[in-house]
C-alpha atoms as a PDB file:
ATOM      1  CA  MET A   1     132.786  67.805-112.532  1.00  0.00           C
ATOM      2  CA  GLU A   2     134.308  71.107-113.634  1.00  0.00           C
ATOM      3  CA  ARG A   3     134.953  71.921-110.003  1.00  0.00           C
ATOM      4  CA  ARG A   4     136.686  68.465-109.221  1.00  0.00           C
ATOM      5  CA  ASP A   5     138.830  68.785-112.522  1.00  0.00           C
ATOM      6  CA  ARG A   6     139.951  72.200-111.386  1.00  0.00           C
ATOM      7  CA  SER A   7     140.870  70.891-107.749  1.00  0.00           C
ATOM      8  CA  LEU A   8     142.877  67.963-109.201  1.00  0.00           C
ATOM      9  CA  GLU A   9     144.693  70.258-111.448  1.00  0.00           C
ATOM     10  CA  ALA A  10     145.471  72.768-108.630  1.00  0.00           C
ATOM     11  CA  LEU A  11     146.851  69.809-106.644  1.00  0.00           C
ATOM     12  CA  SER A  12     148.793  68.365-109.485  1.00  0.00           C
ATOM     13  CA  LYS A  13     150.397  71.836-110.207  1.00  0.00           C
ATOM     14  CA  LEU A  14     151.217  72.266-106.356  1.00  0.00           C
ATOM     15  CA  ARG A  15     152.835  68.891-106.341  1.00  0.00           C
ATOM     16  CA  SER A  16     155.055  70.045-109.421  1.00  0.00           C
ATOM     17  CA  ILE A  17     155.925  73.241-107.723  1.00  0.00           C
ATOM     18  CA  ASP A  18     156.947  71.614-104.596  1.00  0.00           C
ATOM     19  CA  GLY A  19     159.504  69.768-106.490  1.00  0.00           C
ATOM     20  CA  LEU A  20     161.161  72.659-108.018  1.00  0.00           C
ATOM     21  CA  GLY A  21     164.771  73.025-106.874  1.00  0.00           C
ATOM     22  CA  ASP A  22     165.389  76.881-107.378  1.00  0.00           C
ATOM     23  CA  ASP A  23     163.933  78.746-104.470  1.00  0.00           C
ATOM     24  CA  ASP A  24     163.268  82.134-106.503  1.00  0.00           C
ATOM     25  CA  ILE A  25     161.399  80.235-109.264  1.00  0.00           C
ATOM     26  CA  LYS A  26     159.567  78.031-106.576  1.00  0.00           C
ATOM     27  CA  ALA A  27     158.449  81.235-104.447  1.00  0.00           C
ATOM     28  CA  SER A  28     157.521  82.858-107.921  1.00  0.00           C
ATOM     29  CA  GLN A  29     155.338  79.772-109.043  1.00  0.00           C
ATOM     30  CA  LEU A  30     153.829  79.444-105.527  1.00  0.00           C
ATOM     31  CA  ASP A  31     152.579  83.032-105.764  1.00  0.00           C
ATOM     32  CA  LYS A  32     150.950  82.464-109.309  1.00  0.00           C
ATOM     33  CA  TRP A  33     149.475  79.323-108.014  1.00  0.00           C
ATOM     34  CA  VAL A  34     147.805  81.033-104.992  1.00  0.00           C
ATOM     35  CA  THR A  35     146.742  83.934-107.367  1.00  0.00           C
ATOM     36  CA  THR A  36     145.324  81.282-109.761  1.00  0.00           C
ATOM     37  CA  TYR A  37     143.581  78.885-107.342  1.00  0.00           C
ATOM     38  CA  LEU A  38     143.088  80.622-103.960  1.00  0.00           C
ATOM     39  CA  ASN A  39     142.347  84.252-104.523  1.00  0.00           C
ATOM     40  CA  ASP A  40     138.999  83.727-106.334  1.00  0.00           C
ATOM     41  CA  ASN A  41     137.481  80.764-104.593  1.00  0.00           C
ATOM     42  CA  GLY A  42     139.286  79.972-101.697  1.00  0.00           C
ATOM     43  CA  ILE A  43     140.208  76.527-100.492  1.00  0.00           C
ATOM     44  CA  GLU A  44     136.579  75.797 -99.605  1.00  0.00           C
ATOM     45  CA  LYS A  45     135.409  75.498-103.161  1.00  0.00           C
ATOM     46  CA  PHE A  46     137.884  72.556-103.627  1.00  0.00           C
ATOM     47  CA  ASP A  47     136.436  69.329-104.510  1.00  0.00           C
ATOM     48  CA  LEU A  48     138.769  66.499-103.517  1.00  0.00           C
ATOM     49  CA  ASN A  49     138.301  63.280-101.399  1.00  0.00           C
ATOM     50  CA  LYS A  50     139.706  63.072 -97.917  1.00  0.00           C
ATOM     51  CA  ASP A  51     142.975  61.804 -99.021  1.00  0.00           C
ATOM     52  CA  SER A  52     143.698  64.370-101.717  1.00  0.00           C
ATOM     53  CA  PHE A  53     142.829  67.042 -99.004  1.00  0.00           C
ATOM     54  CA  LYS A  54     145.126  65.572 -96.686  1.00  0.00           C
ATOM     55  CA  ILE A  55     147.931  65.675 -99.362  1.00  0.00           C
ATOM     56  CA  LEU A  56     147.048  69.436-100.220  1.00  0.00           C
ATOM     57  CA  SER A  57     146.899  70.474 -96.663  1.00  0.00           C
ATOM     58  CA  GLU A  58     150.434  69.117 -96.121  1.00  0.00           C
ATOM     59  CA  LEU A  59     151.656  70.565 -99.290  1.00  0.00           C
ATOM     60  CA  LEU A  60     150.228  74.063 -98.450  1.00  0.00           C
ATOM     61  CA  TYR A  61     151.717  73.889 -94.855  1.00  0.00           C
ATOM     62  CA  LYS A  62     155.052  72.861 -96.207  1.00  0.00           C
ATOM     63  CA  ASN A  63     154.974  75.854 -98.777  1.00  0.00           C
ATOM     64  CA  ILE A  64     153.970  78.351 -96.367  1.00  0.00           C
ATOM     65  CA  GLN A  65     156.948  77.373 -94.284  1.00  0.00           C
ATOM     66  CA  PHE A  66     159.186  77.731 -97.245  1.00  0.00           C
ATOM     67  CA  MET A  67     157.656  81.199 -98.386  1.00  0.00           C
ATOM     68  CA  LYS A  68     158.284  82.440 -94.735  1.00  0.00           C
ATOM     69  CA  GLN A  69     161.825  81.208 -94.905  1.00  0.00           C
ATOM     70  CA  HIS A  70     162.278  82.521 -98.380  1.00  0.00           C
ATOM     71  CA  ARG A  71     161.171  85.833 -97.118  1.00  0.00           C
ATOM     72  CA  VAL A  72     163.660  85.802 -94.171  1.00  0.00           C
ATOM     73  CA  ASN A  73     166.421  84.906 -96.847  1.00  0.00           C
ATOM     74  CA  MET A  74     165.572  87.690 -99.108  1.00  0.00           C
ATOM     75  CA  LYS A  75     165.474  90.325 -96.240  1.00  0.00           C
ATOM     76  CA  GLN A  76     168.862  89.168 -95.343  1.00  0.00           C
ATOM     77  CA  GLN A  77     170.150  89.713 -99.086  1.00  0.00           C
ATOM     78  CA  ILE A  78     168.528  93.040 -99.297  1.00  0.00           C
ATOM     79  CA  ASP A  79     170.143  94.120 -95.859  1.00  0.00           C
ATOM     80  CA  ASN A  80     173.502  92.831 -97.300  1.00  0.00           C
ATOM     81  CA  HIS A  81     173.316  94.603-100.248  1.00  0.00           C
ATOM     82  CA  LYS A  82     172.429  97.758 -98.509  1.00  0.00           C
ATOM     83  CA  LYS A  83     175.501  97.326 -96.320  1.00  0.00           C
ATOM     84  CA  ILE A  84     177.487  97.088 -99.605  1.00  0.00           C
ATOM     85  CA  ARG A  85     176.433  99.988-100.991  1.00  0.00           C
ATOM     86  CA  GLU A  86     176.707 102.081 -97.860  1.00  0.00           C
ATOM     87  CA  PHE A  87     180.455 100.703 -97.586  1.00  0.00           C
ATOM     88  CA  LEU A  88     181.008 101.639-101.368  1.00  0.00           C
ATOM     89  CA  LYS A  89     179.804 105.350-100.865  1.00  0.00           C
END
C-alpha cells in the first residue's frame, strides 16, 4: 500500500508540474521530481494500474521532450550572452 501511495503521489506531482507555465520553474521542478521518484527506485518500482501507467508514460515522454527543448533554448541564451560579452570587450 505504501508503494502504491508513493506512486500515486508521484503521478499527481508530475501532473501539477506539467501544468506550470514558467519554463525555468518547470525544468527545476522536473529535475527535483526525477531525483525524488526515479533516481533511487526507478520506474519499475511504481505500483499503478494500466491506465495510470499510460498517463505516467505520456507525461514522462512529453516532459522529456520539454527538457530537451529547454536545454537547446538555454544553450542559445548562453551563446547570446557570450556574444554580447565579446562585443562589449
